[in-house]
C-alpha atoms as a PDB file:
ATOM      1  CA  UNK A   1       0.165   0.088  -0.196  1.00  0.00           C
ATOM      2  CA  UNK A   2       2.701   2.655   0.986  1.00  0.00           C
ATOM      3  CA  UNK A   3       4.554   1.475  -2.149  1.00  0.00           C
ATOM      4  CA  UNK A   4       1.737   2.260  -4.324  1.00  0.00           C
ATOM      5  CA  UNK A   5       1.125   5.923  -2.906  1.00  0.00           C
ATOM      6  CA  UNK A   6       5.138   6.579  -3.145  1.00  0.00           C
ATOM      7  CA  UNK A   7       4.763   5.216  -6.844  1.00  0.00           C
ATOM      8  CA  UNK A   8       1.832   7.610  -7.432  1.00  0.00           C
ATOM      9  CA  UNK A   9       3.651  10.528  -5.765  1.00  0.00           C
ATOM     10  CA  UNK A  10       6.527  10.416  -7.756  1.00  0.00           C
ATOM     11  CA  UNK A  11       4.205   9.852 -11.168  1.00  0.00           C
ATOM     12  CA  UNK A  12       2.160  13.444 -10.359  1.00  0.00           C
ATOM     13  CA  UNK A  13       5.777  14.968  -9.261  1.00  0.00           C
ATOM     14  CA  UNK A  14       6.889  13.947 -13.220  1.00  0.00           C
ATOM     15  CA  UNK A  15       3.760  15.000 -14.664  1.00  0.00           C
ATOM     16  CA  UNK A  16       3.345  17.848 -16.616  1.00  0.00           C
ATOM     17  CA  UNK A  17       3.028  20.971 -14.814  1.00  0.00           C
ATOM     18  CA  UNK A  18       0.116  23.561 -15.510  1.00  0.00           C
ATOM     19  CA  UNK A  19       1.303  27.295 -16.869  1.00  0.00           C
ATOM     20  CA  UNK A  20       1.464  29.449 -13.988  1.00  0.00           C
ATOM     21  CA  UNK A  21      -1.723  31.643 -14.227  1.00  0.00           C
ATOM     22  CA  UNK A  22      -1.632  35.338 -15.930  1.00  0.00           C
ATOM     23  CA  UNK A  23      -1.814  38.484 -13.498  1.00  0.00           C
ATOM     24  CA  UNK A  24      -5.774  39.921 -14.074  1.00  0.00           C
ATOM     25  CA  UNK A  25      -6.691  43.356 -13.324  1.00  0.00           C
ATOM     26  CA  UNK A  26     -10.373  44.366 -12.900  1.00  0.00           C
ATOM     27  CA  UNK A  27     -11.440  47.982 -13.045  1.00  0.00           C
ATOM     28  CA  UNK A  28     -14.456  49.990 -12.026  1.00  0.00           C
ATOM     29  CA  UNK A  29     -14.183  53.073 -14.289  1.00  0.00           C
ATOM     30  CA  UNK A  30     -16.180  56.062 -14.559  1.00  0.00           C
ATOM     31  CA  UNK A  31     -18.124  56.190 -17.845  1.00  0.00           C
ATOM     32  CA  UNK A  32     -15.773  59.539 -19.041  1.00  0.00           C
ATOM     33  CA  UNK A  33     -12.630  57.311 -18.910  1.00  0.00           C
ATOM     34  CA  UNK A  34     -14.606  54.626 -21.791  1.00  0.00           C
ATOM     35  CA  UNK A  35     -12.126  55.512 -24.698  1.00  0.00           C
ATOM     36  CA  UNK A  36      -9.456  57.072 -22.993  1.00  0.00           C
ATOM     37  CA  UNK A  37      -8.868  54.183 -20.596  1.00  0.00           C
ATOM     38  CA  UNK A  38      -9.017  51.337 -23.275  1.00  0.00           C
ATOM     39  CA  UNK A  39      -6.268  53.480 -25.134  1.00  0.00           C
ATOM     40  CA  UNK A  40      -4.078  53.429 -21.782  1.00  0.00           C
ATOM     41  CA  UNK A  41      -4.649  49.530 -21.745  1.00  0.00           C
ATOM     42  CA  UNK A  42      -3.715  48.670 -24.921  1.00  0.00           C
ATOM     43  CA  UNK A  43      -0.671  50.597 -24.519  1.00  0.00           C
ATOM     44  CA  UNK A  44      -0.174  49.165 -21.236  1.00  0.00           C
ATOM     45  CA  UNK A  45      -0.675  45.512 -22.487  1.00  0.00           C
ATOM     46  CA  UNK A  46       2.114  45.835 -25.173  1.00  0.00           C
ATOM     47  CA  UNK A  47       4.836  45.812 -22.304  1.00  0.00           C
ATOM     48  CA  UNK A  48       2.599  43.418 -19.581  1.00  0.00           C
ATOM     49  CA  UNK A  49       1.405  40.056 -19.774  1.00  0.00           C
ATOM     50  CA  UNK A  50      -1.462  41.009 -17.605  1.00  0.00           C
ATOM     51  CA  UNK A  51      -5.397  40.559 -18.409  1.00  0.00           C
ATOM     52  CA  UNK A  52      -7.147  43.940 -17.610  1.00  0.00           C
ATOM     53  CA  UNK A  53     -11.395  43.606 -17.919  1.00  0.00           C
ATOM     54  CA  UNK A  54     -12.875  47.361 -17.319  1.00  0.00           C
ATOM     55  CA  UNK A  55     -16.524  47.925 -16.351  1.00  0.00           C
ATOM     56  CA  UNK A  56     -17.725  51.655 -17.036  1.00  0.00           C
ATOM     57  CA  UNK A  57     -20.130  53.224 -15.342  1.00  0.00           C
ATOM     58  CA  UNK A  58     -21.576  56.010 -12.189  1.00  0.00           C
ATOM     59  CA  UNK A  59     -18.412  56.620  -9.763  1.00  0.00           C
ATOM     60  CA  UNK A  60     -21.145  56.551  -7.113  1.00  0.00           C
ATOM     61  CA  UNK A  61     -22.949  53.346  -8.174  1.00  0.00           C
ATOM     62  CA  UNK A  62     -19.599  51.473  -8.288  1.00  0.00           C
ATOM     63  CA  UNK A  63     -18.713  53.070  -4.713  1.00  0.00           C
ATOM     64  CA  UNK A  64     -21.784  51.766  -3.526  1.00  0.00           C
ATOM     65  CA  UNK A  65     -20.918  48.377  -4.389  1.00  0.00           C
ATOM     66  CA  UNK A  66     -17.366  48.707  -3.330  1.00  0.00           C
ATOM     67  CA  UNK A  67     -18.684  49.295   0.307  1.00  0.00           C
ATOM     68  CA  UNK A  68     -19.878  45.797   0.003  1.00  0.00           C
ATOM     69  CA  UNK A  69     -16.445  44.511  -1.225  1.00  0.00           C
ATOM     70  CA  UNK A  70     -17.668  44.077  -5.152  1.00  0.00           C
ATOM     71  CA  UNK A  71     -14.741  41.637  -7.088  1.00  0.00           C
ATOM     72  CA  UNK A  72     -12.568  44.955  -8.776  1.00  0.00           C
ATOM     73  CA  UNK A  73      -8.759  45.549  -8.154  1.00  0.00           C
ATOM     74  CA  UNK A  74      -8.794  49.143  -9.092  1.00  0.00           C
ATOM     75  CA  UNK A  75     -11.456  51.588  -9.158  1.00  0.00           C
ATOM     76  CA  UNK A  76     -10.847  54.995 -11.157  1.00  0.00           C
ATOM     77  CA  UNK A  77     -13.503  57.428 -10.034  1.00  0.00           C
ATOM     78  CA  UNK A  78     -14.750  60.936 -11.852  1.00  0.00           C
ATOM     79  CA  UNK A  79     -13.598  62.383  -8.536  1.00  0.00           C
ATOM     80  CA  UNK A  80     -11.309  62.151  -5.657  1.00  0.00           C
ATOM     81  CA  UNK A  81     -14.146  61.856  -2.899  1.00  0.00           C
ATOM     82  CA  UNK A  82     -15.066  58.638  -3.255  1.00  0.00           C
ATOM     83  CA  UNK A  83     -11.894  56.734  -3.475  1.00  0.00           C
ATOM     84  CA  UNK A  84     -10.788  59.016  -0.330  1.00  0.00           C
ATOM     85  CA  UNK A  85     -13.922  57.725   1.528  1.00  0.00           C
ATOM     86  CA  UNK A  86     -13.106  54.052   0.396  1.00  0.00           C
ATOM     87  CA  UNK A  87      -9.873  54.711   2.111  1.00  0.00           C
ATOM     88  CA  UNK A  88     -11.095  56.072   5.057  1.00  0.00           C
ATOM     89  CA  UNK A  89     -13.154  53.075   6.004  1.00  0.00           C
ATOM     90  CA  UNK A  90      -9.866  50.897   5.514  1.00  0.00           C
ATOM     91  CA  UNK A  91     -10.843  49.302   2.151  1.00  0.00           C
ATOM     92  CA  UNK A  92      -8.276  50.187  -0.107  1.00  0.00           C
ATOM     93  CA  UNK A  93      -4.442  49.416   0.166  1.00  0.00           C
ATOM     94  CA  UNK A  94      -1.741  51.681   1.850  1.00  0.00           C
ATOM     95  CA  UNK A  95      -0.809  54.298  -0.201  1.00  0.00           C
ATOM     96  CA  UNK A  96      -3.288  53.060  -2.754  1.00  0.00           C
ATOM     97  CA  UNK A  97      -4.899  56.431  -3.944  1.00  0.00           C
ATOM     98  CA  UNK A  98      -4.154  58.419  -6.904  1.00  0.00           C
ATOM     99  CA  UNK A  99      -4.828  61.798  -8.992  1.00  0.00           C
ATOM    100  CA  UNK A 100      -4.735  61.260 -12.596  1.00  0.00           C
ATOM    101  CA  UNK A 101      -6.795  63.588 -14.793  1.00  0.00           C
ATOM    102  CA  UNK A 102      -9.045  66.719 -14.504  1.00  0.00           C
ATOM    103  CA  UNK A 103     -12.561  66.658 -16.001  1.00  0.00           C
ATOM    104  CA  UNK A 104     -13.611  68.860 -18.357  1.00  0.00           C
ATOM    105  CA  UNK A 105     -17.243  69.690 -19.556  1.00  0.00           C
ATOM    106  CA  UNK A 106     -19.044  70.542 -23.556  1.00  0.00           C
ATOM    107  CA  UNK A 107     -22.236  71.236 -24.053  1.00  0.00           C
ATOM    108  CA  UNK A 108     -23.216  68.748 -26.912  1.00  0.00           C
ATOM    109  CA  UNK A 109     -25.647  68.383 -29.413  1.00  0.00           C
ATOM    110  CA  UNK A 110     -25.802  66.403 -32.832  1.00  0.00           C
ATOM    111  CA  UNK A 111     -24.419  67.780 -36.017  1.00  0.00           C
ATOM    112  CA  UNK A 112     -28.224  68.120 -37.328  1.00  0.00           C
ATOM    113  CA  UNK A 113     -29.802  70.114 -34.404  1.00  0.00           C
ATOM    114  CA  UNK A 114     -30.477  73.700 -35.201  1.00  0.00           C
ATOM    115  CA  UNK A 115     -29.219  74.372 -31.159  1.00  0.00           C
ATOM    116  CA  UNK A 116     -26.109  76.593 -32.059  1.00  0.00           C
ATOM    117  CA  UNK A 117     -24.050  75.155 -29.196  1.00  0.00           C
ATOM    118  CA  UNK A 118     -20.603  75.505 -30.686  1.00  0.00           C
ATOM    119  CA  UNK A 119     -21.143  79.125 -30.953  1.00  0.00           C
ATOM    120  CA  UNK A 120     -23.535  80.092 -28.044  1.00  0.00           C
ATOM    121  CA  UNK A 121     -22.466  77.489 -25.801  1.00  0.00           C
ATOM    122  CA  UNK A 122     -24.798  76.850 -22.574  1.00  0.00           C
ATOM    123  CA  UNK A 123     -26.760  79.925 -23.380  1.00  0.00           C
ATOM    124  CA  UNK A 124     -28.042  77.960 -26.768  1.00  0.00           C
ATOM    125  CA  UNK A 125     -29.962  75.823 -24.132  1.00  0.00           C
ATOM    126  CA  UNK A 126     -32.023  79.342 -23.392  1.00  0.00           C
ATOM    127  CA  UNK A 127     -33.989  78.544 -26.620  1.00  0.00           C
ATOM    128  CA  UNK A 128     -37.394  78.015 -26.026  1.00  0.00           C
ATOM    129  CA  UNK A 129     -37.534  75.394 -28.539  1.00  0.00           C
ATOM    130  CA  UNK A 130     -35.492  73.518 -26.264  1.00  0.00           C
ATOM    131  CA  UNK A 131     -37.516  70.427 -24.568  1.00  0.00           C
ATOM    132  CA  UNK A 132     -35.032  68.028 -22.923  1.00  0.00           C
ATOM    133  CA  UNK A 133     -31.038  68.418 -21.881  1.00  0.00           C
ATOM    134  CA  UNK A 134     -29.190  64.960 -20.959  1.00  0.00           C
ATOM    135  CA  UNK A 135     -26.629  65.283 -17.525  1.00  0.00           C
ATOM    136  CA  UNK A 136     -25.493  62.327 -15.394  1.00  0.00           C
ATOM    137  CA  UNK A 137     -27.600  61.872 -12.520  1.00  0.00           C
ATOM    138  CA  UNK A 138     -26.151  64.591 -10.027  1.00  0.00           C
ATOM    139  CA  UNK A 139     -26.901  62.113  -6.929  1.00  0.00           C
ATOM    140  CA  UNK A 140     -24.081  59.777  -7.985  1.00  0.00           C
ATOM    141  CA  UNK A 141     -22.433  61.174 -11.226  1.00  0.00           C
ATOM    142  CA  UNK A 142     -19.238  63.701 -10.637  1.00  0.00           C
ATOM    143  CA  UNK A 143     -20.285  65.229 -14.435  1.00  0.00           C
ATOM    144  CA  UNK A 144     -23.777  65.289 -13.251  1.00  0.00           C
ATOM    145  CA  UNK A 145     -22.947  67.288 -10.189  1.00  0.00           C
ATOM    146  CA  UNK A 146     -20.462  69.673 -12.171  1.00  0.00           C
ATOM    147  CA  UNK A 147     -23.359  70.130 -15.015  1.00  0.00           C
ATOM    148  CA  UNK A 148     -25.707  71.499 -12.340  1.00  0.00           C
ATOM    149  CA  UNK A 149     -22.829  73.730 -11.010  1.00  0.00           C
ATOM    150  CA  UNK A 150     -22.335  74.977 -14.773  1.00  0.00           C
ATOM    151  CA  UNK A 151     -26.144  76.049 -15.108  1.00  0.00           C
ATOM    152  CA  UNK A 152     -26.361  77.889 -12.169  1.00  0.00           C
ATOM    153  CA  UNK A 153     -23.461  79.539 -12.778  1.00  0.00           C
ATOM    154  CA  UNK A 154     -24.974  80.349 -16.081  1.00  0.00           C
ATOM    155  CA  UNK A 155     -27.665  81.245 -14.299  1.00  0.00           C
ATOM    156  CA  UNK A 156     -29.994  79.185 -16.749  1.00  0.00           C
ATOM    157  CA  UNK A 157     -30.183  76.257 -13.982  1.00  0.00           C
ATOM    158  CA  UNK A 158     -33.729  77.704 -12.322  1.00  0.00           C
ATOM    159  CA  UNK A 159     -35.101  77.798 -16.530  1.00  0.00           C
ATOM    160  CA  UNK A 160     -34.055  74.454 -17.512  1.00  0.00           C
ATOM    161  CA  UNK A 161     -34.284  72.081 -14.070  1.00  0.00           C
ATOM    162  CA  UNK A 162     -37.792  71.049 -15.453  1.00  0.00           C
ATOM    163  CA  UNK A 163     -36.027  69.959 -18.843  1.00  0.00           C
ATOM    164  CA  UNK A 164     -33.201  67.976 -17.337  1.00  0.00           C
ATOM    165  CA  UNK A 165     -33.155  64.089 -18.380  1.00  0.00           C
ATOM    166  CA  UNK A 166     -30.802  62.610 -16.037  1.00  0.00           C
ATOM    167  CA  UNK A 167     -28.502  59.326 -17.205  1.00  0.00           C
ATOM    168  CA  UNK A 168     -27.035  57.281 -15.268  1.00  0.00           C
ATOM    169  CA  UNK A 169     -23.612  58.357 -16.124  1.00  0.00           C
ATOM    170  CA  UNK A 170     -22.423  60.761 -18.225  1.00  0.00           C
ATOM    171  CA  UNK A 171     -21.985  58.436 -21.403  1.00  0.00           C
ATOM    172  CA  UNK A 172     -25.650  57.455 -21.116  1.00  0.00           C
ATOM    173  CA  UNK A 173     -26.131  61.109 -20.969  1.00  0.00           C
ATOM    174  CA  UNK A 174     -24.301  61.291 -24.164  1.00  0.00           C
ATOM    175  CA  UNK A 175     -26.434  58.743 -25.980  1.00  0.00           C
ATOM    176  CA  UNK A 176     -29.904  60.165 -24.747  1.00  0.00           C
ATOM    177  CA  UNK A 177     -28.649  63.543 -26.400  1.00  0.00           C
ATOM    178  CA  UNK A 178     -27.477  61.266 -29.926  1.00  0.00           C
ATOM    179  CA  UNK A 179     -30.117  59.726 -29.773  1.00  0.00           C
ATOM    180  CA  UNK A 180     -32.639  62.413 -29.874  1.00  0.00           C
ATOM    181  CA  UNK A 181     -34.392  61.623 -26.401  1.00  0.00           C
ATOM    182  CA  UNK A 182     -32.815  64.913 -25.444  1.00  0.00           C
ATOM    183  CA  UNK A 183     -32.396  67.986 -27.383  1.00  0.00           C
ATOM    184  CA  UNK A 184     -28.350  68.530 -26.237  1.00  0.00           C
ATOM    185  CA  UNK A 185     -26.052  67.132 -23.101  1.00  0.00           C
ATOM    186  CA  UNK A 186     -23.645  68.410 -21.312  1.00  0.00           C
ATOM    187  CA  UNK A 187     -21.210  65.796 -21.188  1.00  0.00           C
ATOM    188  CA  UNK A 188     -17.456  65.127 -20.505  1.00  0.00           C
ATOM    189  CA  UNK A 189     -15.097  66.980 -23.354  1.00  0.00           C
ATOM    190  CA  UNK A 190     -13.206  62.994 -23.028  1.00  0.00           C
ATOM    191  CA  UNK A 191     -16.549  61.449 -24.582  1.00  0.00           C
ATOM    192  CA  UNK A 192     -16.783  64.088 -27.178  1.00  0.00           C
ATOM    193  CA  UNK A 193     -13.677  63.684 -28.819  1.00  0.00           C
ATOM    194  CA  UNK A 194     -14.492  60.104 -29.450  1.00  0.00           C
ATOM    195  CA  UNK A 195     -13.263  59.164 -33.006  1.00  0.00           C
ATOM    196  CA  UNK A 196     -16.554  58.189 -34.189  1.00  0.00           C
ATOM    197  CA  UNK A 197     -18.634  61.285 -32.717  1.00  0.00           C
ATOM    198  CA  UNK A 198     -16.067  64.079 -34.064  1.00  0.00           C
ATOM    199  CA  UNK A 199     -17.737  64.408 -37.397  1.00  0.00           C
ATOM    200  CA  UNK A 200     -21.834  63.772 -35.970  1.00  0.00           C
ATOM    201  CA  UNK A 201     -22.049  66.553 -33.658  1.00  0.00           C
ATOM    202  CA  UNK A 202     -21.088  70.586 -32.369  1.00  0.00           C
ATOM    203  CA  UNK A 203     -19.821  71.128 -28.933  1.00  0.00           C
ATOM    204  CA  UNK A 204     -18.417  74.204 -27.214  1.00  0.00           C
ATOM    205  CA  UNK A 205     -16.171  73.500 -23.706  1.00  0.00           C
ATOM    206  CA  UNK A 206     -17.888  75.189 -20.623  1.00  0.00           C
ATOM    207  CA  UNK A 207     -15.298  77.458 -19.320  1.00  0.00           C
ATOM    208  CA  UNK A 208     -13.366  75.701 -16.603  1.00  0.00           C
ATOM    209  CA  UNK A 209     -14.100  78.338 -13.815  1.00  0.00           C
ATOM    210  CA  UNK A 210     -17.899  77.802 -14.045  1.00  0.00           C
ATOM    211  CA  UNK A 211     -17.744  74.225 -11.925  1.00  0.00           C
ATOM    212  CA  UNK A 212     -15.500  73.081  -9.056  1.00  0.00           C
ATOM    213  CA  UNK A 213     -12.703  71.452 -10.433  1.00  0.00           C
ATOM    214  CA  UNK A 214     -12.924  68.114 -11.130  1.00  0.00           C
ATOM    215  CA  UNK A 215      -9.699  66.452 -10.004  1.00  0.00           C
ATOM    216  CA  UNK A 216     -10.032  62.717 -10.785  1.00  0.00           C
ATOM    217  CA  UNK A 217      -8.921  59.399  -8.655  1.00  0.00           C
ATOM    218  CA  UNK A 218      -8.416  55.792  -8.568  1.00  0.00           C
ATOM    219  CA  UNK A 219      -7.051  53.909  -5.637  1.00  0.00           C
ATOM    220  CA  UNK A 220      -6.477  50.184  -5.352  1.00  0.00           C
ATOM    221  CA  UNK A 221      -8.559  48.034  -3.081  1.00  0.00           C
ATOM    222  CA  UNK A 222      -7.626  45.624  -0.254  1.00  0.00           C
ATOM    223  CA  UNK A 223      -8.839  42.552  -1.815  1.00  0.00           C
ATOM    224  CA  UNK A 224      -6.616  43.109  -5.035  1.00  0.00           C
ATOM    225  CA  UNK A 225      -6.522  39.638  -6.220  1.00  0.00           C
ATOM    226  CA  UNK A 226      -2.970  41.150  -7.671  1.00  0.00           C
ATOM    227  CA  UNK A 227      -1.962  44.183  -5.759  1.00  0.00           C
ATOM    228  CA  UNK A 228       1.699  44.186  -7.942  1.00  0.00           C
ATOM    229  CA  UNK A 229      -0.215  44.282 -11.636  1.00  0.00           C
ATOM    230  CA  UNK A 230      -2.665  47.083 -10.331  1.00  0.00           C
ATOM    231  CA  UNK A 231       0.594  48.852  -8.920  1.00  0.00           C
ATOM    232  CA  UNK A 232       1.879  48.634 -12.231  1.00  0.00           C
ATOM    233  CA  UNK A 233      -0.648  49.774 -14.107  1.00  0.00           C
ATOM    234  CA  UNK A 234      -1.046  52.790 -11.803  1.00  0.00           C
ATOM    235  CA  UNK A 235       2.353  53.841 -12.590  1.00  0.00           C
ATOM    236  CA  UNK A 236       1.579  53.733 -16.125  1.00  0.00           C
ATOM    237  CA  UNK A 237      -0.988  55.513 -16.223  1.00  0.00           C
ATOM    238  CA  UNK A 238       0.714  58.149 -13.835  1.00  0.00           C
ATOM    239  CA  UNK A 239       3.629  57.923 -16.457  1.00  0.00           C
ATOM    240  CA  UNK A 240       4.744  60.727 -19.140  1.00  0.00           C
ATOM    241  CA  UNK A 241       3.459  58.151 -21.994  1.00  0.00           C
ATOM    242  CA  UNK A 242      -0.124  57.533 -19.923  1.00  0.00           C
ATOM    243  CA  UNK A 243      -0.638  61.061 -19.197  1.00  0.00           C
ATOM    244  CA  UNK A 244      -0.140  61.708 -22.966  1.00  0.00           C
ATOM    245  CA  UNK A 245      -2.805  59.368 -23.432  1.00  0.00           C
ATOM    246  CA  UNK A 246      -4.926  61.317 -21.231  1.00  0.00           C
ATOM    247  CA  UNK A 247      -4.196  64.576 -22.909  1.00  0.00           C
ATOM    248  CA  UNK A 248      -4.854  63.134 -25.904  1.00  0.00           C
ATOM    249  CA  UNK A 249      -8.626  62.919 -24.439  1.00  0.00           C
ATOM    250  CA  UNK A 250      -9.172  65.917 -23.652  1.00  0.00           C
ATOM    251  CA  UNK A 251      -7.840  65.945 -19.267  1.00  0.00           C
ATOM    252  CA  UNK A 252      -6.271  68.232 -18.339  1.00  0.00           C
ATOM    253  CA  UNK A 253      -3.202  66.963 -15.849  1.00  0.00           C
ATOM    254  CA  UNK A 254      -4.069  67.473 -12.068  1.00  0.00           C
ATOM    255  CA  UNK A 255      -0.613  69.316 -11.512  1.00  0.00           C
ATOM    256  CA  UNK A 256      -1.349  71.644 -14.719  1.00  0.00           C
END
């Protein structure tokens, strides 16, 4: 009996070994990063053997999920507050937080729209013909809160508040405006610069002093399956190459 066990163990030891599993990073990301983060990850993976999967949505919705330890390794938020709150609750690794970009707003309408947003900006929304304006839901989306602030600064909020329609996130707000469910939208510059939309829309950037500065931050979660892989991605995002990609998609940098 003992001999049989020894033979079996020896055979097992001599058999082919399974290949080591590849590192994996699961990311929860704010919807304004839909194109920019994809470009960052593509460049990152060119020099790192890492599988990266991303779910895009509202920062506040992801924050609520992460409070219950949703299965993500990294969180890229559209603000700094949600990552800071996670850190304060002990849900991130030590020194896991980082600031990676500053978001910017535009007023956006389809190219076929009669609204002259490209020249009049927010004031074009005062046109009585405007029935609906799409923004991200300010209850859980930083871009929605910034849009409300910009409308208040422009003196348009009281007039337009009954006409606002809310996307769950800023990408959905853009979908509402693009599909005709809204006449225009107040959305992220990073999404307006999406190559497939460049010739299908007109837009104007909203002056950055019309809403609170949108410094965007991220963090690595305490339960990350491979914290070293996550740190490598963070380092790339903050590198010169990563910052160049973020600038290409309309983000300011936190130190600019």
